[in-house]
Amino acid sequence: MAQGKEIAEDDILSACEEILASPTFAKARRMSRLLRFLVDQAVSGGVRNTIEYAIGLEVFDRDPATYSPGDDPTVRVQVGRLRQRLDAYYAARAGGHGVEIRIPLGSYMPVIRHVTGEPPPGARHGSLAFQSIRCIAGSATGEAFACGLQEELLAQLFQAFSDVVMLPSTPSMGARRSVDDARPLHARHRVEGSIRIDSERIRTSMRLVEPALGRVAWARHFDRGVHFDISQQEELASSICSALKRHLDA
């Protein structure tokens, strides 16, 4: 269904094809087939064909003689994954404009609307979100080193990416998210990590997460000798930032 101003059929179909040609969907054949079918039904007004049973038959080739949506959750699972992929697609092009296609919760019928480049009221936009670095060991020395590394890494990420949003501390660190922090964050990637320390080395484990897809896009360990000075933090932050930039540039 379209919302607001009437949207031309050609514009809707063009927006769908643009989504399907994106890296988020290019290799997801079954997901692409599902999206195309739902958009076609929205354009033609085929509301009856977007019930779970009809989707199972038309998109997933279920046998009408044996198919029971109550016993086979394929449609529910795949539509849920489709919502996530659409979230990832639009998160990657935050600030874009044109025709937007979404699948709202509790429905299989797409919602299609015009959007502008303006962010929604109260939204926080960032090219990169940065989560506090945790010290798994829990020692006072380790906590201090993790805090110092976090400050160095945040400074270098800002130099490399310009637009970095600092996320609140994780629940395991005892922090509560404020009302201001609860505003929606539109960032494609989140950087998070932790450090562990033993008698021979400091291991810093970093990962790059795509929140909309709920998957880890990159992960790496950085091992260093047991030195807790600023120069160690600077060098380690530089290595992490360079590795992240190489991955994202690729």
Protein backbone atom coordinates (compact mmCIF):
# COMPACT_ATOMS: atom_id res chain seq x y z
CA MET A 1 0.00 0.00 0.00
CA ALA A 2 1.19 3.52 -0.66
CA GLN A 3 1.07 6.23 1.96
CA GLY A 4 0.52 9.94 1.46
CA LYS A 5 0.89 11.28 -2.05
CA GLU A 6 0.05 8.81 -4.83
CA ILE A 7 3.16 7.05 -6.12
CA ALA A 8 3.47 6.03 -9.77
CA GLU A 9 3.69 2.30 -10.44
CA ASP A 10 6.88 2.74 -12.46
CA ASP A 11 8.53 4.56 -9.56
CA ILE A 12 7.62 1.74 -7.16
CA LEU A 13 8.94 -0.96 -9.48
CA SER A 14 12.13 1.03 -10.14
CA ALA A 15 12.70 1.37 -6.40
CA CYS A 16 12.21 -2.38 -6.00
CA GLU A 17 14.72 -3.17 -8.75
CA GLU A 18 17.23 -0.78 -7.18
CA ILE A 19 16.91 -2.64 -3.88
CA LEU A 20 17.33 -6.02 -5.56
CA ALA A 21 20.46 -4.85 -7.39
CA SER A 22 22.12 -3.68 -4.16
CA PRO A 23 24.86 -5.71 -2.39
CA THR A 24 22.38 -6.42 0.41
CA PHE A 25 20.12 -8.41 -1.93
CA ALA A 26 22.28 -9.31 -4.96
CA LYS A 27 23.06 -12.85 -3.77
CA ALA A 28 19.85 -13.46 -1.81
CA ARG A 29 17.73 -15.06 -4.53
CA ARG A 30 14.89 -16.35 -2.38
CA MET A 31 14.69 -13.06 -0.48
CA SER A 32 14.65 -11.16 -3.77
CA ARG A 33 11.86 -13.35 -5.12
CA LEU A 34 9.85 -12.71 -1.97
CA LEU A 35 10.28 -8.93 -2.14
CA ARG A 36 9.41 -8.77 -5.83
CA PHE A 37 6.27 -10.84 -5.27
CA LEU A 38 5.08 -8.67 -2.36
CA VAL A 39 5.74 -5.45 -4.26
CA ASP A 40 3.91 -6.78 -7.31
CA GLN A 41 0.91 -7.61 -5.14
CA ALA A 42 0.98 -4.16 -3.53
CA VAL A 43 1.03 -2.49 -6.96
CA SER A 44 -1.80 -4.66 -8.31
CA GLY A 45 -3.88 -4.48 -5.13
CA GLY A 46 -3.61 -8.23 -4.54
CA VAL A 47 -4.15 -8.13 -0.78
CA ARG A 48 -5.46 -11.71 -0.71
CA ASN A 49 -2.19 -12.94 -2.21
CA THR A 50 -0.15 -11.56 0.69
CA ILE A 51 -1.59 -13.88 3.32
CA GLU A 52 0.86 -16.45 4.65
CA TYR A 53 -0.71 -19.41 2.84
CA ALA A 54 -0.65 -17.70 -0.58
CA ILE A 55 2.97 -16.61 -0.13
CA GLY A 56 3.97 -20.15 0.77
CA LEU A 57 2.46 -21.46 -2.46
CA GLU A 58 3.55 -18.70 -4.83
CA VAL A 59 7.03 -17.88 -3.53
CA PHE A 60 8.23 -20.99 -1.71
CA ASP A 61 6.57 -23.60 -3.96
CA ARG A 62 4.76 -25.39 -1.17
CA ASP A 63 2.38 -28.23 -2.12
CA PRO A 64 -1.21 -27.01 -1.61
CA ALA A 65 -2.27 -30.56 -0.70
CA THR A 66 0.01 -30.73 2.34
CA TYR A 67 1.06 -27.17 3.18
CA SER A 68 -0.02 -25.85 6.57
CA PRO A 69 1.37 -22.47 7.74
CA GLY A 70 0.84 -23.53 11.33
CA ASP A 71 3.28 -26.40 10.92
CA ASP A 72 5.66 -24.73 8.45
CA PRO A 73 7.07 -21.36 9.66
CA THR A 74 9.03 -20.67 6.45
CA VAL A 75 7.01 -17.62 5.40
CA ARG A 76 7.13 -16.00 8.85
CA VAL A 77 10.87 -16.59 9.14
CA GLN A 78 11.68 -15.36 5.65
CA VAL A 79 9.52 -12.25 5.91
CA GLY A 80 11.26 -11.45 9.20
CA ARG A 81 14.62 -11.75 7.48
CA LEU A 82 13.35 -9.60 4.62
CA ARG A 83 12.47 -6.84 7.10
CA GLN A 84 16.03 -7.03 8.46
CA ARG A 85 17.56 -6.82 5.00
CA LEU A 86 15.43 -3.83 4.11
CA ASP A 87 16.51 -2.17 7.37
CA ALA A 88 20.15 -2.83 6.43
CA TYR A 89 19.63 -1.49 2.91
CA TYR A 90 18.10 1.78 4.12
CA ALA A 91 20.61 2.13 6.96
CA ALA A 92 23.41 1.97 4.38
CA ARG A 93 21.85 4.81 2.41
CA ALA A 94 20.63 6.90 5.36
CA GLY A 95 19.69 10.37 4.23
CA GLY A 96 18.64 9.21 0.78
CA HIS A 97 15.39 10.16 -0.89
CA GLY A 98 12.87 8.69 -3.30
CA VAL A 99 10.49 5.76 -2.86
CA GLU A 100 10.91 3.64 0.27
CA ILE A 101 9.54 0.10 0.59
CA ARG A 102 9.11 -1.45 4.04
CA ILE A 103 7.38 -4.52 5.48
CA PRO A 104 5.81 -3.47 8.81
CA LEU A 105 5.63 -5.84 11.75
CA GLY A 106 2.42 -7.82 11.85
CA SER A 107 1.82 -7.53 8.11
CA TYR A 108 3.07 -9.02 4.86
CA MET A 109 1.78 -6.15 2.72
CA PRO A 110 4.52 -3.60 1.90
CA VAL A 111 4.18 0.01 2.95
CA ILE A 112 5.45 2.26 0.17
CA ARG A 113 6.07 5.97 0.67
CA HIS A 114 7.99 8.96 -0.57
CA VAL A 115 10.92 9.98 1.62
CA THR A 116 13.17 13.01 1.57
CA GLY A 117 16.78 13.36 2.61
CA GLU A 118 15.71 14.75 5.98
CA PRO A 119 16.19 12.40 8.97
CA PRO A 120 13.18 11.59 11.14
CA PRO A 121 12.68 13.97 14.10
CA GLY A 122 15.05 13.16 16.97
CA ALA A 123 17.10 10.66 14.95
CA ARG A 124 20.84 10.40 15.47
CA HIS A 125 22.87 9.71 12.36
CA GLY A 126 26.43 8.49 12.20
CA SER A 127 28.58 6.69 9.68
CA LEU A 128 30.03 4.59 12.50
CA ALA A 129 28.77 3.72 15.98
CA PHE A 130 31.33 3.01 18.70
CA GLN A 131 30.59 0.86 21.74
CA SER A 132 32.64 1.09 24.92
CA ILE A 133 35.54 -1.38 25.13
CA ARG A 134 35.07 -3.89 27.94
CA CYS A 135 37.75 -5.39 30.13
CA ILE A 136 36.76 -9.01 30.62
CA ALA A 137 39.45 -9.66 33.24
CA GLY A 138 37.97 -7.03 35.53
CA SER A 139 41.20 -5.88 37.22
CA ALA A 140 41.73 -2.22 38.04
CA THR A 141 44.78 -2.09 35.75
CA GLY A 142 42.88 -3.71 32.92
CA GLU A 143 39.92 -1.36 33.33
CA ALA A 144 42.24 1.66 33.22
CA PHE A 145 44.00 0.35 30.11
CA ALA A 146 40.65 -0.32 28.40
CA CYS A 147 39.48 3.23 29.15
CA GLY A 148 42.71 4.70 27.77
CA LEU A 149 42.55 2.52 24.66
CA GLN A 150 38.95 3.56 24.13
CA GLU A 151 39.89 7.26 24.21
CA GLU A 152 42.76 6.76 21.76
CA LEU A 153 40.65 4.63 19.41
CA LEU A 154 37.74 7.08 19.48
CA ALA A 155 40.07 9.94 18.51
CA GLN A 156 41.57 7.95 15.63
CA LEU A 157 38.18 6.75 14.38
CA PHE A 158 37.00 10.35 14.31
CA GLN A 159 40.05 11.35 12.26
CA ALA A 160 39.46 8.47 9.84
CA PHE A 161 35.65 8.59 9.50
CA SER A 162 34.67 12.11 10.69
CA ASP A 163 31.19 11.04 11.82
CA VAL A 164 31.29 8.73 14.85
CA VAL A 165 28.53 8.22 17.41
CA MET A 166 29.57 7.10 20.89
CA LEU A 167 27.07 4.58 22.24
CA PRO A 168 26.27 4.30 25.95
CA SER A 169 28.02 1.65 28.02
CA THR A 170 26.75 -1.89 27.74
CA PRO A 171 24.36 -3.16 30.45
CA SER A 172 27.10 -5.43 31.81
CA MET A 173 29.05 -2.32 32.78
CA GLY A 174 26.18 -1.10 34.92
CA ALA A 175 25.16 1.92 32.85
CA ARG A 176 21.58 2.83 32.03
CA ARG A 177 20.66 4.42 28.73
CA SER A 178 19.34 7.95 29.10
CA VAL A 179 16.31 9.38 27.31
CA ASP A 180 18.66 11.20 24.92
CA ASP A 181 20.59 8.00 24.17
CA ALA A 182 17.35 6.15 23.42
CA ARG A 183 16.77 8.10 20.20
CA PRO A 184 17.05 5.94 17.07
CA LEU A 185 20.56 5.55 15.70
CA HIS A 186 20.98 5.18 11.94
CA ALA A 187 24.47 3.73 11.51
CA ARG A 188 25.27 0.82 9.27
CA HIS A 189 28.18 -0.44 11.39
CA ARG A 190 28.93 -0.68 15.09
CA VAL A 191 32.48 -1.12 16.42
CA GLU A 192 32.77 -3.05 19.66
CA GLY A 193 35.49 -4.91 21.49
CA SER A 194 37.03 -6.22 24.68
CA ILE A 195 40.43 -6.87 26.23
CA ARG A 196 41.80 -9.85 28.16
CA ILE A 197 45.07 -9.88 30.05
CA ASP A 198 47.26 -12.74 31.25
CA SER A 199 50.87 -12.92 32.38
CA GLU A 200 52.26 -12.82 28.83
CA ARG A 201 49.98 -10.69 26.67
CA ILE A 202 47.11 -8.27 26.28
CA ARG A 203 44.58 -9.55 23.76
CA THR A 204 42.23 -6.97 22.27
CA SER A 205 39.32 -8.53 20.37
CA MET A 206 37.53 -6.17 17.98
CA ARG A 207 34.56 -6.73 15.72
CA LEU A 208 32.44 -4.80 13.28
CA VAL A 209 28.72 -5.52 13.54
CA GLU A 210 25.90 -4.75 11.11
CA PRO A 211 23.06 -4.14 13.60
CA ALA A 212 20.26 -4.25 11.03
CA LEU A 213 21.28 -7.74 9.92
CA GLY A 214 22.42 -8.92 13.33
CA ARG A 215 25.68 -10.26 11.97
CA VAL A 216 29.42 -9.78 12.46
CA ALA A 217 30.97 -8.29 9.32
CA TRP A 218 34.60 -8.37 10.53
CA ALA A 219 36.50 -9.61 13.58
CA ARG A 220 40.15 -9.72 14.60
CA HIS A 221 42.44 -10.22 17.61
CA PHE A 222 45.29 -7.82 18.37
CA ASP A 223 47.90 -9.32 20.71
CA ARG A 224 50.50 -7.15 22.49
CA GLY A 225 52.99 -7.53 25.31
CA VAL A 226 51.96 -6.64 28.84
CA HIS A 227 52.69 -2.90 28.86
CA PHE A 228 50.14 -0.46 30.17
CA ASP A 229 51.59 2.85 29.01
CA ILE A 230 50.10 5.45 26.67
CA SER A 231 52.38 4.53 23.78
CA GLN A 232 50.93 0.99 23.83
CA GLN A 233 47.41 2.40 23.71
CA GLU A 234 48.30 4.75 20.84
CA GLU A 235 49.95 2.02 18.75
CA LEU A 236 47.14 -0.46 19.37
CA ALA A 237 44.45 2.10 18.52
CA SER A 238 46.29 2.98 15.31
CA SER A 239 46.51 -0.69 14.28
CA ILE A 240 42.80 -1.28 14.97
CA CYS A 241 41.72 1.86 13.14
CA SER A 242 43.90 1.03 10.10
CA ALA A 243 42.53 -2.52 9.92
CA LEU A 244 38.96 -1.26 10.14
CA LYS A 245 39.54 1.32 7.44
CA ARG A 246 41.10 -1.24 5.11
CA HIS A 247 38.10 -3.52 5.58
CA LEU A 248 35.51 -0.79 5.02
CA ASP A 249 37.37 0.65 2.02
CA ALA A 250 37.43 -2.78 0.44
